[in-house]
C-alpha cells in the first residue's frame, strides 16, 4: 500500500502548527510574526516586528546571533546598518506588499545597505536567503503568533 500524498492543506496545517507552538526564543518584547515565502517555504517561524523607532534603530544590535528560522522585520525603513552587530546577516528589502525587491547576503558587521523604494527590511541569519531560495520578485506572506 502506498503512503498518502501530501496536499496543500497538509502544508497549511504544518505552518499553523508552528504558529501555535511556543516560540523557541522569547528574547525580545517585540510582536512576533511568522513569514512564509512564495513557494510555501517557512522563512521565519519567529520574526520579531520592529515597528517603533527604538526597536528599528536597535534591530539585532546586542544579540549574540539569530538562530535558523528567526528574523527581524524592520518597518518602515529602506536601509540598515550593521554597526555594533556581532555576526553577519542576510538582508531582504521589501516593498509595502512584502514583495522582495533585493537581497544583500552575508552582510558583515560595520556595513551599510539600502534600497530606494523599499518599505521594510528583513534581517535573517547569514546564508538563509540562499538556503531558502529567497530572491527578487518573491512575495512573502505573514501571520501573527
N, C-alpha and C. Protein backbone atom coordinates (compact mmCIF):
# COMPACT_ATOMS: atom_id res chain seq x y z
N UNK A 1 0.84 -1.19 0.00
CA UNK A 1 0.00 0.00 0.00
C UNK A 1 0.88 1.24 0.00
N UNK A 2 0.56 2.20 -0.85
CA UNK A 2 1.36 3.42 -0.97
C UNK A 2 0.99 4.42 0.12
N UNK A 3 2.00 5.21 0.57
CA UNK A 3 1.69 6.25 1.57
C UNK A 3 0.83 7.34 0.94
N UNK A 4 -0.03 7.97 1.73
CA UNK A 4 -0.88 9.04 1.18
C UNK A 4 -0.03 10.22 0.71
N UNK A 5 -0.50 10.87 -0.33
CA UNK A 5 0.21 12.04 -0.88
C UNK A 5 -0.09 13.26 -0.01
N UNK A 6 0.93 14.12 0.14
CA UNK A 6 0.75 15.37 0.89
C UNK A 6 -0.04 16.35 0.03
N UNK A 7 -0.88 17.14 0.65
CA UNK A 7 -1.67 18.13 -0.07
C UNK A 7 -1.31 19.52 0.44
N UNK A 8 -1.83 20.52 -0.26
CA UNK A 8 -1.60 21.90 0.17
C UNK A 8 -2.19 22.13 1.56
N UNK A 9 -3.33 21.47 1.86
CA UNK A 9 -3.94 21.62 3.18
C UNK A 9 -3.01 21.11 4.27
N UNK A 10 -2.27 20.01 3.98
CA UNK A 10 -1.30 19.48 4.94
C UNK A 10 -0.22 20.51 5.22
N UNK A 11 0.27 21.18 4.15
CA UNK A 11 1.31 22.20 4.31
C UNK A 11 0.80 23.35 5.17
N UNK A 12 -0.44 23.78 4.92
CA UNK A 12 -1.01 24.87 5.70
C UNK A 12 -1.13 24.48 7.18
N UNK A 13 -1.56 23.24 7.43
CA UNK A 13 -1.68 22.78 8.81
C UNK A 13 -0.31 22.78 9.49
N UNK A 14 0.75 22.39 8.74
CA UNK A 14 2.10 22.39 9.30
C UNK A 14 2.49 23.80 9.72
N UNK A 15 2.21 24.79 8.87
CA UNK A 15 2.54 26.18 9.19
C UNK A 15 1.73 26.65 10.39
N UNK A 16 0.44 26.32 10.41
CA UNK A 16 -0.40 26.74 11.53
C UNK A 16 0.05 26.07 12.83
N UNK A 17 0.50 24.83 12.75
CA UNK A 17 1.03 24.15 13.94
C UNK A 17 2.22 24.90 14.48
N UNK A 18 3.12 25.35 13.58
CA UNK A 18 4.29 26.10 14.01
C UNK A 18 3.87 27.42 14.67
N UNK A 19 2.83 28.05 14.14
CA UNK A 19 2.36 29.31 14.71
C UNK A 19 1.83 29.09 16.11
N UNK A 20 1.13 27.97 16.33
CA UNK A 20 0.53 27.69 17.63
C UNK A 20 1.55 27.30 18.69
N UNK A 21 2.72 26.82 18.28
CA UNK A 21 3.73 26.40 19.25
C UNK A 21 4.37 27.61 19.92
N UNK A 22 4.88 27.40 21.12
CA UNK A 22 5.60 28.44 21.84
C UNK A 22 6.87 28.78 21.07
N UNK A 23 7.18 30.06 20.82
CA UNK A 23 8.39 30.42 20.11
C UNK A 23 9.63 29.86 20.81
N UNK A 24 10.62 29.47 20.01
CA UNK A 24 11.85 28.90 20.56
C UNK A 24 12.65 29.94 21.32
N UNK A 25 12.44 31.19 20.99
CA UNK A 25 13.16 32.25 21.69
C UNK A 25 12.18 33.34 22.08
N UNK A 26 12.37 33.91 23.22
CA UNK A 26 11.50 34.98 23.67
C UNK A 26 12.37 36.10 24.21
N UNK A 27 13.42 36.44 23.46
CA UNK A 27 14.39 37.39 23.96
C UNK A 27 14.00 38.84 23.74
N UNK A 28 12.92 39.09 23.05
CA UNK A 28 12.51 40.47 22.87
C UNK A 28 11.03 40.61 23.19
N UNK A 29 10.62 41.82 23.46
CA UNK A 29 9.21 42.10 23.73
C UNK A 29 8.50 42.53 22.45
N UNK A 30 9.20 42.49 21.33
CA UNK A 30 8.59 42.87 20.07
C UNK A 30 7.49 41.86 19.70
N UNK A 31 6.50 42.35 18.96
CA UNK A 31 5.46 41.49 18.45
C UNK A 31 6.10 40.42 17.55
N UNK A 32 5.57 39.21 17.56
CA UNK A 32 6.13 38.11 16.77
C UNK A 32 5.22 37.79 15.60
N UNK A 33 5.82 37.49 14.45
CA UNK A 33 5.11 37.07 13.26
C UNK A 33 5.72 35.78 12.74
N UNK A 34 5.03 35.14 11.82
CA UNK A 34 5.61 34.04 11.05
C UNK A 34 5.57 34.50 9.59
N UNK A 35 6.65 34.26 8.85
CA UNK A 35 6.73 34.66 7.44
C UNK A 35 6.88 33.43 6.56
N UNK A 36 6.09 33.39 5.49
CA UNK A 36 6.12 32.28 4.55
C UNK A 36 6.47 32.83 3.18
N UNK A 37 7.28 32.08 2.41
CA UNK A 37 7.73 32.51 1.09
C UNK A 37 6.78 32.14 -0.02
N UNK A 38 7.14 32.54 -1.23
CA UNK A 38 6.33 32.34 -2.43
C UNK A 38 6.01 30.87 -2.67
N UNK A 39 6.97 30.00 -2.44
CA UNK A 39 6.79 28.57 -2.69
C UNK A 39 6.29 27.82 -1.45
N UNK A 40 5.81 28.55 -0.45
CA UNK A 40 5.29 27.94 0.75
C UNK A 40 6.35 27.61 1.79
N UNK A 41 7.61 27.95 1.50
CA UNK A 41 8.67 27.66 2.46
C UNK A 41 8.56 28.60 3.66
N UNK A 42 8.89 28.07 4.83
CA UNK A 42 8.85 28.85 6.06
C UNK A 42 10.10 29.71 6.13
N UNK A 43 9.95 31.02 6.02
CA UNK A 43 11.09 31.95 6.06
C UNK A 43 11.49 32.20 7.51
N UNK A 44 10.53 32.55 8.34
CA UNK A 44 10.76 32.82 9.77
C UNK A 44 9.65 32.18 10.57
N UNK A 45 10.01 31.29 11.51
CA UNK A 45 8.97 30.80 12.41
C UNK A 45 8.84 31.75 13.60
N UNK A 46 9.86 32.54 13.87
CA UNK A 46 9.79 33.63 14.86
C UNK A 46 10.41 34.86 14.22
N UNK A 47 9.55 35.77 13.79
CA UNK A 47 10.02 37.02 13.18
C UNK A 47 9.62 38.16 14.12
N UNK A 48 10.59 38.84 14.67
CA UNK A 48 10.36 39.94 15.59
C UNK A 48 10.02 41.19 14.76
N UNK A 49 8.91 41.84 15.06
CA UNK A 49 8.48 43.02 14.33
C UNK A 49 9.01 44.27 15.01
N UNK A 50 9.93 44.96 14.35
CA UNK A 50 10.50 46.21 14.86
C UNK A 50 9.80 47.36 14.12
N UNK A 51 8.70 47.82 14.69
CA UNK A 51 7.91 48.86 14.04
C UNK A 51 7.82 50.14 14.86
N UNK A 52 8.68 50.27 15.84
CA UNK A 52 8.78 51.50 16.64
C UNK A 52 10.19 52.06 16.48
N UNK A 53 10.34 53.34 16.69
CA UNK A 53 11.63 53.99 16.47
C UNK A 53 12.76 53.29 17.20
N UNK A 54 12.59 53.02 18.47
CA UNK A 54 13.66 52.40 19.25
C UNK A 54 14.00 51.00 18.74
N UNK A 55 12.99 50.18 18.47
CA UNK A 55 13.25 48.81 18.02
C UNK A 55 13.85 48.79 16.61
N UNK A 56 13.45 49.73 15.76
CA UNK A 56 14.06 49.81 14.41
C UNK A 56 15.52 50.21 14.49
N UNK A 57 15.85 51.18 15.34
CA UNK A 57 17.24 51.62 15.46
C UNK A 57 18.11 50.51 16.04
N UNK A 58 17.56 49.73 16.94
CA UNK A 58 18.36 48.70 17.60
C UNK A 58 18.49 47.44 16.75
N UNK A 59 17.41 46.98 16.13
CA UNK A 59 17.46 45.76 15.33
C UNK A 59 18.08 44.62 16.12
N UNK A 60 19.17 44.04 15.61
CA UNK A 60 19.83 42.91 16.28
C UNK A 60 21.09 43.35 17.04
N UNK A 61 21.27 44.64 17.22
CA UNK A 61 22.43 45.12 17.99
C UNK A 61 22.33 44.56 19.41
N UNK A 62 23.42 43.99 19.88
CA UNK A 62 23.46 43.41 21.21
C UNK A 62 23.08 41.94 21.26
N UNK A 63 22.51 41.40 20.18
CA UNK A 63 22.18 39.98 20.15
C UNK A 63 23.45 39.18 19.85
N UNK A 64 23.53 37.98 20.35
CA UNK A 64 24.69 37.12 20.10
C UNK A 64 24.60 36.44 18.74
N UNK A 65 23.39 36.17 18.28
CA UNK A 65 23.17 35.51 17.00
C UNK A 65 21.68 35.53 16.67
N UNK A 66 21.36 35.18 15.44
CA UNK A 66 20.00 34.86 15.04
C UNK A 66 19.99 33.36 14.78
N UNK A 67 19.05 32.65 15.36
CA UNK A 67 19.01 31.21 15.11
C UNK A 67 18.31 30.95 13.77
N UNK A 68 18.52 29.78 13.22
CA UNK A 68 17.87 29.40 11.97
C UNK A 68 16.36 29.49 12.16
N UNK A 69 15.67 30.17 11.24
CA UNK A 69 14.23 30.34 11.34
C UNK A 69 13.80 31.59 12.09
N UNK A 70 14.77 32.38 12.54
CA UNK A 70 14.47 33.60 13.28
C UNK A 70 14.85 34.80 12.41
N UNK A 71 14.15 35.90 12.59
CA UNK A 71 14.46 37.11 11.85
C UNK A 71 13.89 38.33 12.53
N UNK A 72 14.24 39.49 11.99
CA UNK A 72 13.70 40.75 12.48
C UNK A 72 13.19 41.53 11.26
N UNK A 73 11.93 41.94 11.30
CA UNK A 73 11.33 42.74 10.24
C UNK A 73 11.26 44.18 10.72
N UNK A 74 12.03 45.05 10.08
CA UNK A 74 12.06 46.47 10.43
C UNK A 74 11.19 47.23 9.45
N UNK A 75 10.19 47.97 9.99
CA UNK A 75 9.34 48.76 9.10
C UNK A 75 8.77 49.97 9.82
N UNK A 76 8.67 51.09 9.21
CA UNK A 76 9.12 51.38 7.85
C UNK A 76 10.59 51.78 7.83
N UNK A 77 11.30 51.31 6.82
CA UNK A 77 12.67 51.72 6.56
C UNK A 77 13.08 51.21 5.19
N UNK A 78 14.07 51.83 4.61
CA UNK A 78 14.59 51.36 3.33
C UNK A 78 16.08 51.05 3.41
N UNK A 79 16.68 51.23 4.61
CA UNK A 79 18.11 50.97 4.75
C UNK A 79 18.42 50.46 6.15
N UNK A 80 19.58 49.82 6.28
CA UNK A 80 20.03 49.33 7.58
C UNK A 80 21.54 49.51 7.69
N UNK A 81 22.02 49.34 8.91
CA UNK A 81 23.47 49.30 9.15
C UNK A 81 23.74 48.11 10.05
N UNK A 82 24.99 47.65 10.05
CA UNK A 82 25.36 46.55 10.95
C UNK A 82 26.44 47.00 11.93
N UNK A 83 26.46 48.30 12.24
CA UNK A 83 27.38 48.80 13.27
C UNK A 83 26.99 48.15 14.60
N UNK A 84 27.95 47.66 15.32
CA UNK A 84 27.76 47.02 16.62
C UNK A 84 27.05 45.67 16.55
N UNK A 85 26.79 45.16 15.36
CA UNK A 85 26.20 43.82 15.21
C UNK A 85 27.36 42.83 15.25
N UNK A 86 27.19 41.75 15.99
CA UNK A 86 28.30 40.82 16.25
C UNK A 86 28.47 39.71 15.21
N UNK A 87 27.59 39.63 14.23
CA UNK A 87 27.60 38.49 13.32
C UNK A 87 27.09 38.93 11.94
N UNK A 88 27.43 38.19 10.89
CA UNK A 88 26.91 38.53 9.55
C UNK A 88 25.43 38.17 9.44
N UNK A 89 24.72 38.89 8.58
CA UNK A 89 23.29 38.64 8.37
C UNK A 89 22.97 38.69 6.89
N UNK A 90 21.85 38.10 6.52
CA UNK A 90 21.26 38.30 5.20
C UNK A 90 20.19 39.37 5.35
N UNK A 91 20.08 40.23 4.34
CA UNK A 91 19.14 41.35 4.37
C UNK A 91 18.21 41.25 3.17
N UNK A 92 16.92 41.38 3.41
CA UNK A 92 15.92 41.32 2.35
C UNK A 92 15.16 42.65 2.35
N UNK A 93 15.20 43.36 1.23
CA UNK A 93 14.49 44.64 1.08
C UNK A 93 13.12 44.35 0.46
N UNK A 94 12.06 44.87 1.11
CA UNK A 94 10.68 44.56 0.72
C UNK A 94 9.88 45.82 0.40
N UNK A 95 8.93 45.70 -0.52
CA UNK A 95 8.02 46.81 -0.79
C UNK A 95 6.84 46.72 0.19
N UNK A 96 5.87 47.64 0.12
CA UNK A 96 4.75 47.61 1.08
C UNK A 96 3.92 46.32 1.06
N UNK A 97 3.93 45.61 -0.08
CA UNK A 97 3.18 44.36 -0.21
C UNK A 97 4.03 43.13 0.10
N UNK A 98 5.20 43.33 0.70
CA UNK A 98 6.15 42.27 1.06
C UNK A 98 6.72 41.55 -0.16
N UNK A 99 6.80 42.26 -1.28
CA UNK A 99 7.47 41.72 -2.46
C UNK A 99 8.96 41.99 -2.30
N UNK A 100 9.79 40.98 -2.55
CA UNK A 100 11.23 41.12 -2.40
C UNK A 100 11.77 41.97 -3.55
N UNK A 101 12.39 43.10 -3.20
CA UNK A 101 12.99 43.99 -4.19
C UNK A 101 14.45 43.64 -4.45
N UNK A 102 15.15 43.28 -3.38
CA UNK A 102 16.57 42.98 -3.48
C UNK A 102 17.01 42.26 -2.21
N UNK A 103 18.16 41.60 -2.30
CA UNK A 103 18.75 40.96 -1.12
C UNK A 103 20.22 41.35 -1.02
N UNK A 104 20.74 41.35 0.19
CA UNK A 104 22.18 41.54 0.44
C UNK A 104 22.58 40.37 1.33
N UNK A 105 23.31 39.42 0.76
CA UNK A 105 23.64 38.21 1.50
C UNK A 105 24.97 38.34 2.24
N UNK A 106 25.01 37.70 3.40
CA UNK A 106 26.23 37.62 4.22
C UNK A 106 26.83 39.01 4.50
N UNK A 107 25.98 39.94 4.92
CA UNK A 107 26.43 41.30 5.23
C UNK A 107 27.17 41.30 6.56
N UNK A 108 28.42 41.66 6.53
CA UNK A 108 29.29 41.60 7.70
C UNK A 108 29.07 42.82 8.61
N UNK A 109 29.54 42.75 9.86
CA UNK A 109 29.43 43.90 10.75
C UNK A 109 30.10 45.15 10.17
N UNK A 110 29.58 46.30 10.57
CA UNK A 110 30.10 47.62 10.19
C UNK A 110 29.90 47.93 8.70
N UNK A 111 28.74 47.55 8.17
CA UNK A 111 28.39 47.85 6.78
C UNK A 111 27.07 48.60 6.73
N UNK A 112 26.81 49.24 5.59
CA UNK A 112 25.54 49.92 5.32
C UNK A 112 24.92 49.33 4.07
N UNK A 113 23.60 49.27 4.03
CA UNK A 113 22.90 48.80 2.82
C UNK A 113 21.53 49.45 2.78
N UNK A 114 21.06 49.70 1.58
CA UNK A 114 19.74 50.27 1.39
C UNK A 114 19.23 49.98 0.00
N UNK A 115 17.93 50.18 -0.18
CA UNK A 115 17.33 50.01 -1.49
C UNK A 115 16.23 51.05 -1.63
N UNK A 116 16.43 51.99 -2.53
CA UNK A 116 15.46 53.06 -2.73
C UNK A 116 14.13 52.47 -3.16
N UNK A 117 13.07 52.83 -2.49
CA UNK A 117 11.74 52.30 -2.79
C UNK A 117 11.30 51.18 -1.85
N UNK A 118 12.24 50.67 -1.06
CA UNK A 118 11.87 49.64 -0.08
C UNK A 118 11.05 50.28 1.03
N UNK A 119 10.15 49.51 1.61
CA UNK A 119 9.32 49.97 2.71
C UNK A 119 9.69 49.28 4.02
N UNK A 120 10.32 48.11 3.91
CA UNK A 120 10.73 47.38 5.09
C UNK A 120 11.94 46.52 4.76
N UNK A 121 12.63 46.10 5.83
CA UNK A 121 13.84 45.29 5.69
C UNK A 121 13.72 44.09 6.63
N UNK A 122 14.02 42.93 6.11
CA UNK A 122 14.02 41.70 6.89
C UNK A 122 15.46 41.26 7.12
N UNK A 123 15.84 41.11 8.39
CA UNK A 123 17.18 40.63 8.75
C UNK A 123 17.08 39.15 9.11
N UNK A 124 17.89 38.34 8.46
CA UNK A 124 17.90 36.89 8.66
C UNK A 124 19.32 36.42 8.98
N UNK A 125 19.47 35.22 9.53
CA UNK A 125 20.83 34.69 9.73
C UNK A 125 21.55 34.56 8.39
N UNK A 126 22.84 34.76 8.37
CA UNK A 126 23.63 34.64 7.14
C UNK A 126 23.40 33.27 6.52
N UNK A 127 23.19 33.26 5.21
CA UNK A 127 23.00 32.02 4.47
C UNK A 127 21.56 31.60 4.27
N UNK A 128 20.62 32.25 4.96
CA UNK A 128 19.21 31.86 4.86
C UNK A 128 18.60 32.17 3.49
N UNK A 129 18.97 33.29 2.88
CA UNK A 129 18.42 33.62 1.56
C UNK A 129 18.78 32.53 0.55
N UNK A 130 20.01 32.10 0.57
CA UNK A 130 20.45 31.05 -0.35
C UNK A 130 19.76 29.72 -0.01
N UNK A 131 19.75 29.36 1.26
CA UNK A 131 19.15 28.09 1.69
C UNK A 131 17.67 28.00 1.33
N UNK A 132 16.94 29.11 1.50
CA UNK A 132 15.51 29.13 1.25
C UNK A 132 15.14 29.53 -0.17
N UNK A 133 16.12 30.00 -0.94
CA UNK A 133 15.85 30.42 -2.31
C UNK A 133 15.11 31.74 -2.41
N UNK A 134 15.33 32.62 -1.44
CA UNK A 134 14.67 33.94 -1.46
C UNK A 134 15.40 34.84 -2.44
N UNK A 135 14.65 35.42 -3.39
CA UNK A 135 15.28 36.29 -4.39
C UNK A 135 14.29 37.36 -4.83
N UNK A 136 14.80 38.35 -5.57
CA UNK A 136 13.98 39.45 -6.05
C UNK A 136 12.78 38.91 -6.83
N UNK A 137 11.62 39.50 -6.57
CA UNK A 137 10.39 39.08 -7.23
C UNK A 137 9.52 38.17 -6.38
N UNK A 138 10.09 37.51 -5.38
CA UNK A 138 9.30 36.67 -4.48
C UNK A 138 8.35 37.55 -3.67
N UNK A 139 7.26 36.97 -3.24
CA UNK A 139 6.31 37.68 -2.38
C UNK A 139 6.16 36.88 -1.09
N UNK A 140 6.33 37.56 0.05
CA UNK A 140 6.19 36.92 1.34
C UNK A 140 4.79 37.14 1.89
N UNK A 141 4.37 36.28 2.78
CA UNK A 141 3.11 36.43 3.48
C UNK A 141 3.37 36.25 4.96
N UNK A 142 2.52 36.85 5.80
CA UNK A 142 2.77 36.79 7.24
C UNK A 142 1.52 36.34 7.99
N UNK A 143 1.77 35.91 9.22
CA UNK A 143 0.69 35.57 10.14
C UNK A 143 1.17 35.90 11.54
N UNK A 144 0.26 36.18 12.45
CA UNK A 144 0.63 36.52 13.82
C UNK A 144 0.80 35.29 14.66
N UNK A 145 1.76 35.38 15.60
CA UNK A 145 1.96 34.30 16.57
C UNK A 145 1.20 34.67 17.83
